[in-house]
C-alpha atoms as a PDB file:
ATOM      1  CA  UNK A   1      -0.423   3.330  26.517  1.00  0.00           C
ATOM      2  CA  UNK A   2      -3.344   3.023  24.102  1.00  0.00           C
ATOM      3  CA  UNK A   3      -4.300  -0.364  22.694  1.00  0.00           C
ATOM      4  CA  UNK A   4      -6.576  -0.646  19.681  1.00  0.00           C
ATOM      5  CA  UNK A   5      -8.590  -3.750  18.902  1.00  0.00           C
ATOM      6  CA  UNK A   6     -10.457  -4.550  15.719  1.00  0.00           C
ATOM      7  CA  UNK A   7     -13.271  -7.002  15.017  1.00  0.00           C
ATOM      8  CA  UNK A   8     -11.408  -8.369  11.982  1.00  0.00           C
ATOM      9  CA  UNK A   9      -7.817  -8.407  10.742  1.00  0.00           C
ATOM     10  CA  UNK A  10      -8.861  -6.859   7.419  1.00  0.00           C
ATOM     11  CA  UNK A  11     -10.213  -3.783   9.203  1.00  0.00           C
ATOM     12  CA  UNK A  12      -6.979  -3.536  11.174  1.00  0.00           C
ATOM     13  CA  UNK A  13      -4.929  -3.685   7.978  1.00  0.00           C
ATOM     14  CA  UNK A  14      -7.087  -1.025   6.319  1.00  0.00           C
ATOM     15  CA  UNK A  15      -6.690   1.304   9.310  1.00  0.00           C
ATOM     16  CA  UNK A  16      -2.924   0.653   9.319  1.00  0.00           C
ATOM     17  CA  UNK A  17      -2.704   1.499   5.618  1.00  0.00           C
ATOM     18  CA  UNK A  18      -4.825   4.604   6.110  1.00  0.00           C
ATOM     19  CA  UNK A  19      -2.683   5.739   9.048  1.00  0.00           C
ATOM     20  CA  UNK A  20       0.511   5.305   7.040  1.00  0.00           C
ATOM     21  CA  UNK A  21      -1.033   7.051   4.076  1.00  0.00           C
ATOM     22  CA  UNK A  22      -2.346  10.059   6.002  1.00  0.00           C
ATOM     23  CA  UNK A  23       0.607  10.593   8.349  1.00  0.00           C
ATOM     24  CA  UNK A  24       2.135  13.949   7.450  1.00  0.00           C
ATOM     25  CA  UNK A  25       5.566  13.887   5.834  1.00  0.00           C
ATOM     26  CA  UNK A  26       5.675  10.155   5.076  1.00  0.00           C
ATOM     27  CA  UNK A  27       8.971  10.552   3.245  1.00  0.00           C
ATOM     28  CA  UNK A  28       9.850   6.943   3.968  1.00  0.00           C
ATOM     29  CA  UNK A  29       6.648   5.330   2.699  1.00  0.00           C
ATOM     30  CA  UNK A  30       8.542   3.867  -0.248  1.00  0.00           C
ATOM     31  CA  UNK A  31      10.980   2.189   2.157  1.00  0.00           C
ATOM     32  CA  UNK A  32       8.030   0.853   4.138  1.00  0.00           C
ATOM     33  CA  UNK A  33       6.463  -0.548   0.959  1.00  0.00           C
ATOM     34  CA  UNK A  34       9.728  -2.203  -0.106  1.00  0.00           C
ATOM     35  CA  UNK A  35      10.195  -3.792   3.314  1.00  0.00           C
ATOM     36  CA  UNK A  36       6.577  -4.961   3.531  1.00  0.00           C
ATOM     37  CA  UNK A  37       6.665  -6.407   0.015  1.00  0.00           C
ATOM     38  CA  UNK A  38       9.966  -8.142   0.730  1.00  0.00           C
ATOM     39  CA  UNK A  39       8.399 -10.193   3.502  1.00  0.00           C
ATOM     40  CA  UNK A  40       8.014 -13.619   1.934  1.00  0.00           C
ATOM     41  CA  UNK A  41       5.310 -14.980   4.243  1.00  0.00           C
ATOM     42  CA  UNK A  42       2.622 -12.707   2.755  1.00  0.00           C
ATOM     43  CA  UNK A  43       1.572 -11.100   6.028  1.00  0.00           C
ATOM     44  CA  UNK A  44       1.608  -7.602   4.512  1.00  0.00           C
ATOM     45  CA  UNK A  45      -0.149  -8.475   1.248  1.00  0.00           C
ATOM     46  CA  UNK A  46      -3.550  -7.034   2.213  1.00  0.00           C
ATOM     47  CA  UNK A  47      -1.898  -3.951   3.753  1.00  0.00           C
ATOM     48  CA  UNK A  48      -0.017  -3.326   0.492  1.00  0.00           C
ATOM     49  CA  UNK A  49      -3.205  -3.690  -1.528  1.00  0.00           C
ATOM     50  CA  UNK A  50      -4.947  -1.161   0.679  1.00  0.00           C
ATOM     51  CA  UNK A  51      -2.065   1.319   0.378  1.00  0.00           C
ATOM     52  CA  UNK A  52      -2.066   0.938  -3.415  1.00  0.00           C
ATOM     53  CA  UNK A  53      -5.842   1.332  -3.507  1.00  0.00           C
ATOM     54  CA  UNK A  54      -5.708   4.496  -1.406  1.00  0.00           C
ATOM     55  CA  UNK A  55      -3.510   6.078  -4.076  1.00  0.00           C
ATOM     56  CA  UNK A  56      -6.414   5.841  -6.543  1.00  0.00           C
ATOM     57  CA  UNK A  57      -8.107   9.219  -7.135  1.00  0.00           C
ATOM     58  CA  UNK A  58     -11.471   7.484  -7.193  1.00  0.00           C
ATOM     59  CA  UNK A  59     -10.964   5.985  -3.719  1.00  0.00           C
ATOM     60  CA  UNK A  60      -9.411   9.177  -2.379  1.00  0.00           C
ATOM     61  CA  UNK A  61     -12.332  11.315  -3.527  1.00  0.00           C
ATOM     62  CA  UNK A  62     -14.791   9.353  -1.414  1.00  0.00           C
ATOM     63  CA  UNK A  63     -12.589   9.259   1.679  1.00  0.00           C
ATOM     64  CA  UNK A  64     -11.388  12.868   1.463  1.00  0.00           C
ATOM     65  CA  UNK A  65     -14.916  14.022   2.254  1.00  0.00           C
ATOM     66  CA  UNK A  66     -14.457  12.538   5.739  1.00  0.00           C
ATOM     67  CA  UNK A  67     -10.680  12.619   6.243  1.00  0.00           C
ATOM     68  CA  UNK A  68      -9.509  15.722   4.402  1.00  0.00           C
ATOM     69  CA  UNK A  69      -7.153  15.795   1.424  1.00  0.00           C
ATOM     70  CA  UNK A  70      -4.696  12.974   0.908  1.00  0.00           C
ATOM     71  CA  UNK A  71      -1.028  14.059   0.709  1.00  0.00           C
ATOM     72  CA  UNK A  72      -0.180  14.342  -2.982  1.00  0.00           C
ATOM     73  CA  UNK A  73       3.467  13.503  -2.325  1.00  0.00           C
ATOM     74  CA  UNK A  74       2.462  10.223  -0.663  1.00  0.00           C
ATOM     75  CA  UNK A  75       0.155   9.362  -3.559  1.00  0.00           C
ATOM     76  CA  UNK A  76       2.982   9.976  -6.042  1.00  0.00           C
ATOM     77  CA  UNK A  77       5.462   7.887  -4.035  1.00  0.00           C
ATOM     78  CA  UNK A  78       3.042   4.968  -3.797  1.00  0.00           C
ATOM     79  CA  UNK A  79       2.231   5.111  -7.515  1.00  0.00           C
ATOM     80  CA  UNK A  80       5.953   5.261  -8.357  1.00  0.00           C
ATOM     81  CA  UNK A  81       6.594   2.203  -6.179  1.00  0.00           C
ATOM     82  CA  UNK A  82       3.737   0.285  -7.827  1.00  0.00           C
ATOM     83  CA  UNK A  83       5.069   1.138 -11.304  1.00  0.00           C
ATOM     84  CA  UNK A  84       8.600   0.061 -10.370  1.00  0.00           C
ATOM     85  CA  UNK A  85       7.341  -3.180  -8.849  1.00  0.00           C
ATOM     86  CA  UNK A  86       5.210  -4.024 -11.907  1.00  0.00           C
ATOM     87  CA  UNK A  87       8.148  -3.339 -14.222  1.00  0.00           C
ATOM     88  CA  UNK A  88      10.383  -5.540 -12.074  1.00  0.00           C
ATOM     89  CA  UNK A  89       7.799  -8.314 -12.070  1.00  0.00           C
ATOM     90  CA  UNK A  90       7.412  -8.101 -15.854  1.00  0.00           C
ATOM     91  CA  UNK A  91      11.173  -8.583 -16.266  1.00  0.00           C
ATOM     92  CA  UNK A  92      10.960 -11.658 -14.015  1.00  0.00           C
ATOM     93  CA  UNK A  93       7.861 -13.115 -15.699  1.00  0.00           C
ATOM     94  CA  UNK A  94       9.707 -15.534 -17.933  1.00  0.00           C
ATOM     95  CA  UNK A  95       9.206 -18.496 -15.605  1.00  0.00           C
ATOM     96  CA  UNK A  96       5.817 -19.955 -14.647  1.00  0.00           C
ATOM     97  CA  UNK A  97       6.388 -18.779 -11.068  1.00  0.00           C
ATOM     98  CA  UNK A  98       7.195 -15.273 -12.307  1.00  0.00           C
ATOM     99  CA  UNK A  99       4.022 -15.182 -14.391  1.00  0.00           C
ATOM    100  CA  UNK A 100       1.881 -16.260 -11.423  1.00  0.00           C
ATOM    101  CA  UNK A 101       3.560 -13.689  -9.185  1.00  0.00           C
ATOM    102  CA  UNK A 102       2.880 -10.951 -11.715  1.00  0.00           C
ATOM    103  CA  UNK A 103      -0.826 -11.757 -11.619  1.00  0.00           C
END
């Protein structure tokens, strides 16, 4: 069995996001995002930010030089999830807590 170690947790989370993003046929990435975002202790917050950032054409352009093209279907699924989550947060932004969470 292979064990990977990283000098910093942030690097580990970036590599995890990249692996999920680049894995062929990630049909369940939306489910993964929903589950990770539903974790209330915040342990997946940086991972989610990296996944969302990888869906940016600007970020993808730089990385595709080294990693090959990013799966368009994955990009679309991530962007759809982000849009749905923002819309849901806007609906819940009436309270002070909801407004802070939206930010």
